[in-house]
Amino acid sequence: MLKKQRQLTAVYQKRGRGYIGWIEEIPGANTQGAIFSEAKENLKEAAALIIEANRMATKTLKGAIIRKSLRVSA
């Protein structure tokens, strides 16, 4: 299945000997890495896992479910 690419805002901060990073639009999507590129790759994986987990969670919902695309200007 071809996955849709999304544009998200990643924030990185140098901490001690490594980097931490998080995605502004996805609560809980945060990570760390010894080098910047490691933190970036870890953050991509964290975001993908959270999005997939949220999709899987909706499959267990009962009743009428409405899924719609939503554009937000922020």
PDB file of N, CA and C in Angstrom:
ATOM      1  N   MET A   1       0.844  -1.186   0.000  1.00  0.00           N
ATOM      2  CA  MET A   1       0.000   0.000   0.000  1.00  0.00           C
ATOM      3  C   MET A   1       0.888   1.247   0.000  1.00  0.00           C
ATOM      4  N   LEU A   2       0.633   2.139  -0.932  1.00  0.00           N
ATOM      5  CA  LEU A   2       1.387   3.378  -1.016  1.00  0.00           C
ATOM      6  C   LEU A   2       0.934   4.316   0.094  1.00  0.00           C
ATOM      7  N   LYS A   3       1.886   4.804   0.867  1.00  0.00           N
ATOM      8  CA  LYS A   3       1.540   5.669   1.991  1.00  0.00           C
ATOM      9  C   LYS A   3       1.653   7.132   1.577  1.00  0.00           C
ATOM     10  N   LYS A   4       0.715   7.926   2.078  1.00  0.00           N
ATOM     11  CA  LYS A   4       0.681   9.351   1.782  1.00  0.00           C
ATOM     12  C   LYS A   4       1.800  10.061   2.556  1.00  0.00           C
ATOM     13  N   GLN A   5       2.490  10.954   1.879  1.00  0.00           N
ATOM     14  CA  GLN A   5       3.509  11.750   2.559  1.00  0.00           C
ATOM     15  C   GLN A   5       2.847  12.985   3.140  1.00  0.00           C
ATOM     16  N   ARG A   6       3.298  13.381   4.302  1.00  0.00           N
ATOM     17  CA  ARG A   6       2.752  14.545   4.986  1.00  0.00           C
ATOM     18  C   ARG A   6       3.882  15.514   5.314  1.00  0.00           C
ATOM     19  N   GLN A   7       3.545  16.768   5.378  1.00  0.00           N
ATOM     20  CA  GLN A   7       4.501  17.796   5.768  1.00  0.00           C
ATOM     21  C   GLN A   7       4.235  18.127   7.228  1.00  0.00           C
ATOM     22  N   LEU A   8       5.200  17.868   8.096  1.00  0.00           N
ATOM     23  CA  LEU A   8       5.062  18.137   9.522  1.00  0.00           C
ATOM     24  C   LEU A   8       6.214  19.020   9.980  1.00  0.00           C
ATOM     25  N   THR A   9       6.087  19.583  11.169  1.00  0.00           N
ATOM     26  CA  THR A   9       7.119  20.463  11.699  1.00  0.00           C
ATOM     27  C   THR A   9       7.931  19.736  12.755  1.00  0.00           C
ATOM     28  N   ALA A  10       9.182  19.442  12.430  1.00  0.00           N
ATOM     29  CA  ALA A  10      10.087  18.800  13.378  1.00  0.00           C
ATOM     30  C   ALA A  10      10.916  19.875  14.074  1.00  0.00           C
ATOM     31  N   VAL A  11      11.081  19.724  15.378  1.00  0.00           N
ATOM     32  CA  VAL A  11      11.883  20.651  16.174  1.00  0.00           C
ATOM     33  C   VAL A  11      13.004  19.837  16.809  1.00  0.00           C
ATOM     34  N   TYR A  12      14.230  20.317  16.675  1.00  0.00           N
ATOM     35  CA  TYR A  12      15.386  19.623  17.244  1.00  0.00           C
ATOM     36  C   TYR A  12      16.124  20.556  18.188  1.00  0.00           C
ATOM     37  N   GLN A  13      16.706  19.963  19.211  1.00  0.00           N
ATOM     38  CA  GLN A  13      17.490  20.751  20.158  1.00  0.00           C
ATOM     39  C   GLN A  13      18.718  19.950  20.558  1.00  0.00           C
ATOM     40  N   LYS A  14      19.875  20.602  20.532  1.00  0.00           N
ATOM     41  CA  LYS A  14      21.110  19.973  20.992  1.00  0.00           C
ATOM     42  C   LYS A  14      21.036  19.875  22.504  1.00  0.00           C
ATOM     43  N   ARG A  15      21.243  18.672  23.027  1.00  0.00           N
ATOM     44  CA  ARG A  15      21.223  18.446  24.474  1.00  0.00           C
ATOM     45  C   ARG A  15      22.427  17.597  24.839  1.00  0.00           C
ATOM     46  N   GLY A  16      23.318  18.152  25.607  1.00  0.00           N
ATOM     47  CA  GLY A  16      24.496  17.389  26.018  1.00  0.00           C
ATOM     48  C   GLY A  16      25.271  16.896  24.815  1.00  0.00           C
ATOM     49  N   ARG A  17      25.426  15.582  24.717  1.00  0.00           N
ATOM     50  CA  ARG A  17      26.193  14.983  23.619  1.00  0.00           C
ATOM     51  C   ARG A  17      25.321  14.533  22.455  1.00  0.00           C
ATOM     52  N   GLY A  18      24.047  14.831  22.498  1.00  0.00           N
ATOM     53  CA  GLY A  18      23.158  14.372  21.433  1.00  0.00           C
ATOM     54  C   GLY A  18      22.091  15.394  21.099  1.00  0.00           C
ATOM     55  N   TYR A  19      21.038  14.908  20.461  1.00  0.00           N
ATOM     56  CA  TYR A  19      19.923  15.748  20.041  1.00  0.00           C
ATOM     57  C   TYR A  19      18.613  15.127  20.501  1.00  0.00           C
ATOM     58  N   ILE A  20      17.664  15.979  20.818  1.00  0.00           N
ATOM     59  CA  ILE A  20      16.294  15.537  21.041  1.00  0.00           C
ATOM     60  C   ILE A  20      15.449  16.168  19.940  1.00  0.00           C
ATOM     61  N   GLY A  21      14.334  15.543  19.643  1.00  0.00           N
ATOM     62  CA  GLY A  21      13.460  16.083  18.606  1.00  0.00           C
ATOM     63  C   GLY A  21      12.021  15.711  18.873  1.00  0.00           C
ATOM     64  N   TRP A  22      11.109  16.544  18.375  1.00  0.00           N
ATOM     65  CA  TRP A  22       9.685  16.260  18.499  1.00  0.00           C
ATOM     66  C   TRP A  22       8.961  16.884  17.324  1.00  0.00           C
ATOM     67  N   ILE A  23       7.746  16.427  17.107  1.00  0.00           N
ATOM     68  CA  ILE A  23       6.912  16.958  16.032  1.00  0.00           C
ATOM     69  C   ILE A  23       5.798  17.779  16.662  1.00  0.00           C
ATOM     70  N   GLU A  24       5.714  19.031  16.267  1.00  0.00           N
ATOM     71  CA  GLU A  24       4.733  19.947  16.859  1.00  0.00           C
ATOM     72  C   GLU A  24       3.301  19.460  16.695  1.00  0.00           C
ATOM     73  N   GLU A  25       2.981  18.858  15.568  1.00  0.00           N
ATOM     74  CA  GLU A  25       1.598  18.493  15.265  1.00  0.00           C
ATOM     75  C   GLU A  25       1.163  17.139  15.831  1.00  0.00           C
ATOM     76  N   ILE A  26       2.078  16.357  16.368  1.00  0.00           N
ATOM     77  CA  ILE A  26       1.728  15.020  16.864  1.00  0.00           C
ATOM     78  C   ILE A  26       2.188  14.870  18.312  1.00  0.00           C
ATOM     79  N   PRO A  27       1.278  15.043  19.273  1.00  0.00           N
ATOM     80  CA  PRO A  27       1.659  14.850  20.674  1.00  0.00           C
ATOM     81  C   PRO A  27       2.229  13.447  20.884  1.00  0.00           C
ATOM     82  N   GLY A  28       3.322  13.367  21.592  1.00  0.00           N
ATOM     83  CA  GLY A  28       3.941  12.081  21.877  1.00  0.00           C
ATOM     84  C   GLY A  28       4.987  11.650  20.870  1.00  0.00           C
ATOM     85  N   ALA A  29       5.089  12.351  19.754  1.00  0.00           N
ATOM     86  CA  ALA A  29       6.113  12.014  18.758  1.00  0.00           C
ATOM     87  C   ALA A  29       7.390  12.751  19.122  1.00  0.00           C
ATOM     88  N   ASN A  30       8.222  12.078  19.886  1.00  0.00           N
ATOM     89  CA  ASN A  30       9.494  12.663  20.289  1.00  0.00           C
ATOM     90  C   ASN A  30      10.551  11.575  20.351  1.00  0.00           C
ATOM     91  N   THR A  31      11.803  11.982  20.259  1.00  0.00           N
ATOM     92  CA  THR A  31      12.890  11.008  20.217  1.00  0.00           C
ATOM     93  C   THR A  31      14.205  11.678  20.557  1.00  0.00           C
ATOM     94  N   GLN A  32      15.252  10.895  20.465  1.00  0.00           N
ATOM     95  CA  GLN A  32      16.592  11.425  20.673  1.00  0.00           C
ATOM     96  C   GLN A  32      17.566  10.657  19.798  1.00  0.00           C
ATOM     97  N   GLY A  33      18.752  11.204  19.646  1.00  0.00           N
ATOM     98  CA  GLY A  33      19.790  10.526  18.878  1.00  0.00           C
ATOM     99  C   GLY A  33      21.145  11.084  19.243  1.00  0.00           C
ATOM    100  N   ALA A  34      22.169  10.273  19.086  1.00  0.00           N
ATOM    101  CA  ALA A  34      23.531  10.705  19.400  1.00  0.00           C
ATOM    102  C   ALA A  34      23.996  11.783  18.425  1.00  0.00           C
ATOM    103  N   ILE A  35      23.539  11.678  17.161  1.00  0.00           N
ATOM    104  CA  ILE A  35      23.859  12.682  16.148  1.00  0.00           C
ATOM    105  C   ILE A  35      22.554  13.152  15.511  1.00  0.00           C
ATOM    106  N   PHE A  36      22.611  14.306  14.850  1.00  0.00           N
ATOM    107  CA  PHE A  36      21.398  14.904  14.294  1.00  0.00           C
ATOM    108  C   PHE A  36      20.672  13.957  13.346  1.00  0.00           C
ATOM    109  N   SER A  37      21.406  13.329  12.437  1.00  0.00           N
ATOM    110  CA  SER A  37      20.755  12.455  11.451  1.00  0.00           C
ATOM    111  C   SER A  37      20.066  11.266  12.116  1.00  0.00           C
ATOM    112  N   GLU A  38      20.612  10.773  13.210  1.00  0.00           N
ATOM    113  CA  GLU A  38      19.972   9.679  13.941  1.00  0.00           C
ATOM    114  C   GLU A  38      18.665  10.154  14.576  1.00  0.00           C
ATOM    115  N   ALA A  39      18.688  11.334  15.182  1.00  0.00           N
ATOM    116  CA  ALA A  39      17.468  11.889  15.777  1.00  0.00           C
ATOM    117  C   ALA A  39      16.402  12.097  14.702  1.00  0.00           C
ATOM    118  N   LYS A  40      16.805  12.570  13.532  1.00  0.00           N
ATOM    119  CA  LYS A  40      15.865  12.810  12.432  1.00  0.00           C
ATOM    120  C   LYS A  40      15.220  11.506  11.969  1.00  0.00           C
ATOM    121  N   GLU A  41      16.007  10.475  11.748  1.00  0.00           N
ATOM    122  CA  GLU A  41      15.465   9.184  11.315  1.00  0.00           C
ATOM    123  C   GLU A  41      14.570   8.574  12.393  1.00  0.00           C
ATOM    124  N   ASN A  42      14.986   8.677  13.655  1.00  0.00           N
ATOM    125  CA  ASN A  42      14.172   8.162  14.759  1.00  0.00           C
ATOM    126  C   ASN A  42      12.832   8.879  14.824  1.00  0.00           C
ATOM    127  N   LEU A  43      12.842  10.188  14.559  1.00  0.00           N
ATOM    128  CA  LEU A  43      11.615  10.973  14.617  1.00  0.00           C
ATOM    129  C   LEU A  43      10.665  10.596  13.476  1.00  0.00           C
ATOM    130  N   LYS A  44      11.201  10.348  12.298  1.00  0.00           N
ATOM    131  CA  LYS A  44      10.366   9.884  11.182  1.00  0.00           C
ATOM    132  C   LYS A  44       9.680   8.570  11.545  1.00  0.00           C
ATOM    133  N   GLU A  45      10.446   7.666  12.135  1.00  0.00           N
ATOM    134  CA  GLU A  45       9.889   6.367  12.528  1.00  0.00           C
ATOM    135  C   GLU A  45       8.830   6.531  13.614  1.00  0.00           C
ATOM    136  N   ALA A  46       9.103   7.381  14.610  1.00  0.00           N
ATOM    137  CA  ALA A  46       8.137   7.605  15.694  1.00  0.00           C
ATOM    138  C   ALA A  46       6.821   8.152  15.144  1.00  0.00           C
ATOM    139  N   ALA A  47       6.898   9.125  14.249  1.00  0.00           N
ATOM    140  CA  ALA A  47       5.687   9.710  13.665  1.00  0.00           C
ATOM    141  C   ALA A  47       4.900   8.664  12.884  1.00  0.00           C
ATOM    142  N   ALA A  48       5.586   7.874  12.077  1.00  0.00           N
ATOM    143  CA  ALA A  48       4.916   6.846  11.283  1.00  0.00           C
ATOM    144  C   ALA A  48       4.229   5.823  12.183  1.00  0.00           C
ATOM    145  N   LEU A  49       4.887   5.433  13.270  1.00  0.00           N
ATOM    146  CA  LEU A  49       4.303   4.456  14.194  1.00  0.00           C
ATOM    147  C   LEU A  49       3.068   5.009  14.896  1.00  0.00           C
ATOM    148  N   ILE A  50       3.115   6.274  15.299  1.00  0.00           N
ATOM    149  CA  ILE A  50       1.964   6.883  15.972  1.00  0.00           C
ATOM    150  C   ILE A  50       0.780   6.993  15.008  1.00  0.00           C
ATOM    151  N   ILE A  51       1.036   7.432  13.786  1.00  0.00           N
ATOM    152  CA  ILE A  51      -0.042   7.545  12.799  1.00  0.00           C
ATOM    153  C   ILE A  51      -0.657   6.176  12.528  1.00  0.00           C
ATOM    154  N   GLU A  52       0.180   5.161  12.365  1.00  0.00           N
ATOM    155  CA  GLU A  52      -0.319   3.805  12.118  1.00  0.00           C
ATOM    156  C   GLU A  52      -1.114   3.284  13.314  1.00  0.00           C
ATOM    157  N   ALA A  53      -0.636   3.525  14.530  1.00  0.00           N
ATOM    158  CA  ALA A  53      -1.355   3.081  15.733  1.00  0.00           C
ATOM    159  C   ALA A  53      -2.716   3.757  15.833  1.00  0.00           C
ATOM    160  N   ASN A  54      -2.779   5.039  15.509  1.00  0.00           N
ATOM    161  CA  ASN A  54      -4.058   5.754  15.540  1.00  0.00           C
ATOM    162  C   ASN A  54      -5.025   5.188  14.506  1.00  0.00           C
ATOM    163  N   ARG A  55      -4.519   4.846  13.332  1.00  0.00           N
ATOM    164  CA  ARG A  55      -5.371   4.245  12.297  1.00  0.00           C
ATOM    165  C   ARG A  55      -5.897   2.890  12.749  1.00  0.00           C
ATOM    166  N   MET A  56      -5.031   2.091  13.337  1.00  0.00           N
ATOM    167  CA  MET A  56      -5.440   0.768  13.807  1.00  0.00           C
ATOM    168  C   MET A  56      -6.481   0.889  14.916  1.00  0.00           C
ATOM    169  N   ALA A  57      -6.340   1.892  15.777  1.00  0.00           N
ATOM    170  CA  ALA A  57      -7.286   2.083  16.878  1.00  0.00           C
ATOM    171  C   ALA A  57      -8.684   2.400  16.357  1.00  0.00           C
ATOM    172  N   THR A  58      -8.778   3.121  15.253  1.00  0.00           N
ATOM    173  CA  THR A  58     -10.105   3.460  14.720  1.00  0.00           C
ATOM    174  C   THR A  58     -10.810   2.236  14.148  1.00  0.00           C
ATOM    175  N   LYS A  59     -10.068   1.211  13.795  1.00  0.00           N
ATOM    176  CA  LYS A  59     -10.682  -0.003  13.249  1.00  0.00           C
ATOM    177  C   LYS A  59     -11.489  -0.758  14.294  1.00  0.00           C
ATOM    178  N   THR A  60     -11.222  -0.520  15.568  1.00  0.00           N
ATOM    179  CA  THR A  60     -11.945  -1.221  16.634  1.00  0.00           C
ATOM    180  C   THR A  60     -13.183  -0.458  17.096  1.00  0.00           C
ATOM    181  N   LEU A  61     -13.392   0.752  16.583  1.00  0.00           N
ATOM    182  CA  LEU A  61     -14.546   1.547  16.990  1.00  0.00           C
ATOM    183  C   LEU A  61     -15.831   0.952  16.439  1.00  0.00           C
ATOM    184  N   LYS A  62     -16.880   1.052  17.212  1.00  0.00           N
ATOM    185  CA  LYS A  62     -18.187   0.538  16.794  1.00  0.00           C
ATOM    186  C   LYS A  62     -19.110   1.719  16.493  1.00  0.00           C
ATOM    187  N   GLY A  63     -20.121   1.488  15.685  1.00  0.00           N
ATOM    188  CA  GLY A  63     -21.081   2.538  15.366  1.00  0.00           C
ATOM    189  C   GLY A  63     -20.678   3.297  14.113  1.00  0.00           C
ATOM    190  N   ALA A  64     -21.402   4.371  13.864  1.00  0.00           N
ATOM    191  CA  ALA A  64     -21.165   5.182  12.669  1.00  0.00           C
ATOM    192  C   ALA A  64     -19.892   5.999  12.847  1.00  0.00           C
ATOM    193  N   ILE A  65     -18.957   5.808  11.961  1.00  0.00           N
ATOM    194  CA  ILE A  65     -17.684   6.520  12.000  1.00  0.00           C
ATOM    195  C   ILE A  65     -17.581   7.376  10.741  1.00  0.00           C
ATOM    196  N   ILE A  66     -17.179   8.617  10.915  1.00  0.00           N
ATOM    197  CA  ILE A  66     -16.971   9.517   9.782  1.00  0.00           C
ATOM    198  C   ILE A  66     -15.496   9.894   9.759  1.00  0.00           C
ATOM    199  N   ARG A  67     -14.842   9.614   8.643  1.00  0.00           N
ATOM    200  CA  ARG A  67     -13.443  10.008   8.452  1.00  0.00           C
ATOM    201  C   ARG A  67     -13.409  10.992   7.295  1.00  0.00           C
ATOM    202  N   LYS A  68     -12.891  12.168   7.545  1.00  0.00           N
ATOM    203  CA  LYS A  68     -12.808  13.204   6.520  1.00  0.00           C
ATOM    204  C   LYS A  68     -11.441  13.863   6.585  1.00  0.00           C
ATOM    205  N   SER A  69     -10.995  14.317   5.464  1.00  0.00           N
ATOM    206  CA  SER A  69      -9.788  15.116   5.378  1.00  0.00           C
ATOM    207  C   SER A  69     -10.083  16.482   5.997  1.00  0.00           C
ATOM    208  N   LEU A  70      -9.133  17.053   6.679  1.00  0.00           N
ATOM    209  CA  LEU A  70      -9.335  18.335   7.351  1.00  0.00           C
ATOM    210  C   LEU A  70      -8.124  19.223   7.113  1.00  0.00           C
ATOM    211  N   ARG A  71      -8.343  20.390   6.529  1.00  0.00           N
ATOM    212  CA  ARG A  71      -7.271  21.366   6.331  1.00  0.00           C
ATOM    213  C   ARG A  71      -7.337  22.401   7.434  1.00  0.00           C
ATOM    214  N   VAL A  72      -6.182  22.697   7.983  1.00  0.00           N
ATOM    215  CA  VAL A  72      -6.109  23.661   9.078  1.00  0.00           C
ATOM    216  C   VAL A  72      -5.018  24.671   8.766  1.00  0.00           C
ATOM    217  N   SER A  73      -5.310  25.923   8.949  1.00  0.00           N
ATOM    218  CA  SER A  73      -4.296  26.966   8.825  1.00  0.00           C
ATOM    219  C   SER A  73      -3.873  27.361  10.224  1.00  0.00           C
ATOM    220  N   ALA A  74      -2.595  27.250  10.482  1.00  0.00           N
ATOM    221  CA  ALA A  74      -2.096  27.603  11.822  1.00  0.00           C
ATOM    222  C   ALA A  74      -0.801  28.364  11.706  1.00  0.00           C
TER     223      ALA A  74
END
